[in-house]
């Protein structure tokens, strides 16, 4: 299923965002790279098998990303603020969708849902 790769693309975007938007070296730079690395690691679990654990990680990291501009007070950095807010919402949605897909597809063959 192609949707397994969406999480990887989100993680790669977070890793590339400091370079694309020109974040200053420091907290915002490392913050984005760390979030992206966690998303890539959680999304990689879908390449091996369907796992709801990875979906929960995506939902949690997405929610953290949405709240992080307010928690860490970088509201004045417009690119980082909007990137974390919008991509965080998208990450939560992808985590919920992949979690729902893992319920349907994660059962062994022959078992009824």
Protein backbone atom coordinates (compact mmCIF):
# COMPACT_ATOMS: atom_id res chain seq x y z
CA UNK A 1 0.00 0.00 0.00
CA UNK A 2 1.43 3.37 -1.04
CA UNK A 3 0.14 5.20 2.06
CA UNK A 4 2.94 3.61 4.07
CA UNK A 5 5.37 6.04 2.43
CA UNK A 6 3.49 9.20 3.39
CA UNK A 7 4.93 9.14 6.91
CA UNK A 8 8.44 8.81 5.53
CA UNK A 9 7.87 11.82 3.30
CA UNK A 10 6.65 13.86 6.28
CA UNK A 11 9.76 12.91 8.25
CA UNK A 12 12.04 13.80 5.36
CA UNK A 13 10.26 17.16 5.05
CA UNK A 14 10.91 17.91 8.74
CA UNK A 15 14.59 17.08 8.27
CA UNK A 16 14.83 19.30 5.16
CA UNK A 17 12.74 22.20 6.53
CA UNK A 18 15.63 23.98 8.30
CA UNK A 19 17.53 24.09 5.03
CA UNK A 20 14.53 25.05 2.88
CA UNK A 21 13.21 27.77 5.21
CA UNK A 22 16.64 28.91 6.43
CA UNK A 23 16.16 28.35 10.15
CA UNK A 24 18.95 29.80 12.27
CA UNK A 25 21.37 27.22 13.63
CA UNK A 26 20.25 26.39 17.13
CA UNK A 27 17.11 25.13 18.79
CA UNK A 28 14.72 25.37 15.82
CA UNK A 29 17.20 23.64 13.54
CA UNK A 30 17.78 20.68 15.84
CA UNK A 31 14.15 20.57 16.92
CA UNK A 32 12.97 20.05 13.34
CA UNK A 33 15.64 17.45 12.60
CA UNK A 34 14.78 15.52 15.79
CA UNK A 35 11.04 15.52 15.02
CA UNK A 36 11.78 14.37 11.46
CA UNK A 37 14.05 11.58 12.66
CA UNK A 38 11.40 10.27 15.07
CA UNK A 39 8.76 10.35 12.33
CA UNK A 40 11.05 8.50 9.89
CA UNK A 41 11.78 5.85 12.52
CA UNK A 42 8.09 5.40 13.38
CA UNK A 43 7.12 5.30 9.70
CA UNK A 44 9.78 2.72 8.95
CA UNK A 45 7.79 0.26 11.09
CA UNK A 46 5.12 0.31 8.39
CA UNK A 47 7.61 -0.85 5.80
CA UNK A 48 8.24 -3.97 7.88
CA UNK A 49 4.66 -4.70 8.99
CA UNK A 50 1.43 -3.01 10.01
CA UNK A 51 1.83 -1.76 13.55
CA UNK A 52 -0.49 0.47 15.53
CA UNK A 53 2.43 1.46 17.74
CA UNK A 54 3.94 3.49 14.93
CA UNK A 55 0.60 5.20 14.39
CA UNK A 56 0.47 6.27 18.03
CA UNK A 57 3.98 7.67 17.75
CA UNK A 58 2.98 9.65 14.64
CA UNK A 59 -0.10 11.01 16.40
CA UNK A 60 1.92 11.97 19.48
CA UNK A 61 4.75 13.60 17.55
CA UNK A 62 2.25 15.44 15.34
CA UNK A 63 0.42 16.77 18.40
CA UNK A 64 3.74 17.82 19.94
CA UNK A 65 4.68 19.55 16.68
CA UNK A 66 1.41 21.50 16.70
CA UNK A 67 1.94 22.61 20.30
CA UNK A 68 5.70 23.18 20.18
CA UNK A 69 5.57 26.81 18.91
CA UNK A 70 3.53 27.66 21.99
CA UNK A 71 5.53 25.46 24.38
CA UNK A 72 8.93 26.70 23.24
CA UNK A 73 7.83 30.26 22.39
CA UNK A 74 9.03 30.58 18.83
CA UNK A 75 5.89 32.27 17.57
CA UNK A 76 7.93 35.07 15.98
CA UNK A 77 9.67 32.66 13.60
CA UNK A 78 6.87 32.54 11.03
CA UNK A 79 8.25 29.76 8.82
CA UNK A 80 8.90 27.45 11.76
CA UNK A 81 5.56 28.31 13.38
CA UNK A 82 3.41 27.59 10.30
CA UNK A 83 5.50 24.59 9.24
CA UNK A 84 5.15 22.90 12.64
CA UNK A 85 1.48 23.79 12.93
CA UNK A 86 0.29 22.64 9.49
CA UNK A 87 2.60 19.67 9.06
CA UNK A 88 1.77 18.63 12.64
CA UNK A 89 -1.94 18.53 11.78
CA UNK A 90 -1.13 16.49 8.68
CA UNK A 91 1.06 14.13 10.73
CA UNK A 92 -1.76 13.48 13.21
CA UNK A 93 -4.10 12.72 10.31
CA UNK A 94 -1.65 10.35 8.69
CA UNK A 95 -1.04 8.60 12.02
CA UNK A 96 -4.78 8.15 12.53
CA UNK A 97 -5.23 6.85 8.98
CA UNK A 98 -2.34 4.42 9.25
CA UNK A 99 -3.54 3.26 12.65
CA UNK A 100 -6.98 2.57 11.20
CA UNK A 101 -5.43 0.75 8.24
CA UNK A 102 -3.36 -1.41 10.59
CA UNK A 103 -6.51 -2.57 12.33
CA UNK A 104 -7.90 -3.77 9.02
CA UNK A 105 -4.73 -5.12 7.47
CA UNK A 106 -2.76 -6.13 10.55
CA UNK A 107 -4.58 -9.36 11.22
CA UNK A 108 -3.13 -12.68 10.07
CA UNK A 109 -4.59 -14.14 6.90
CA UNK A 110 -7.80 -16.04 7.31
CA UNK A 111 -8.95 -14.33 10.53
CA UNK A 112 -12.14 -12.34 10.45
CA UNK A 113 -12.18 -8.77 11.83
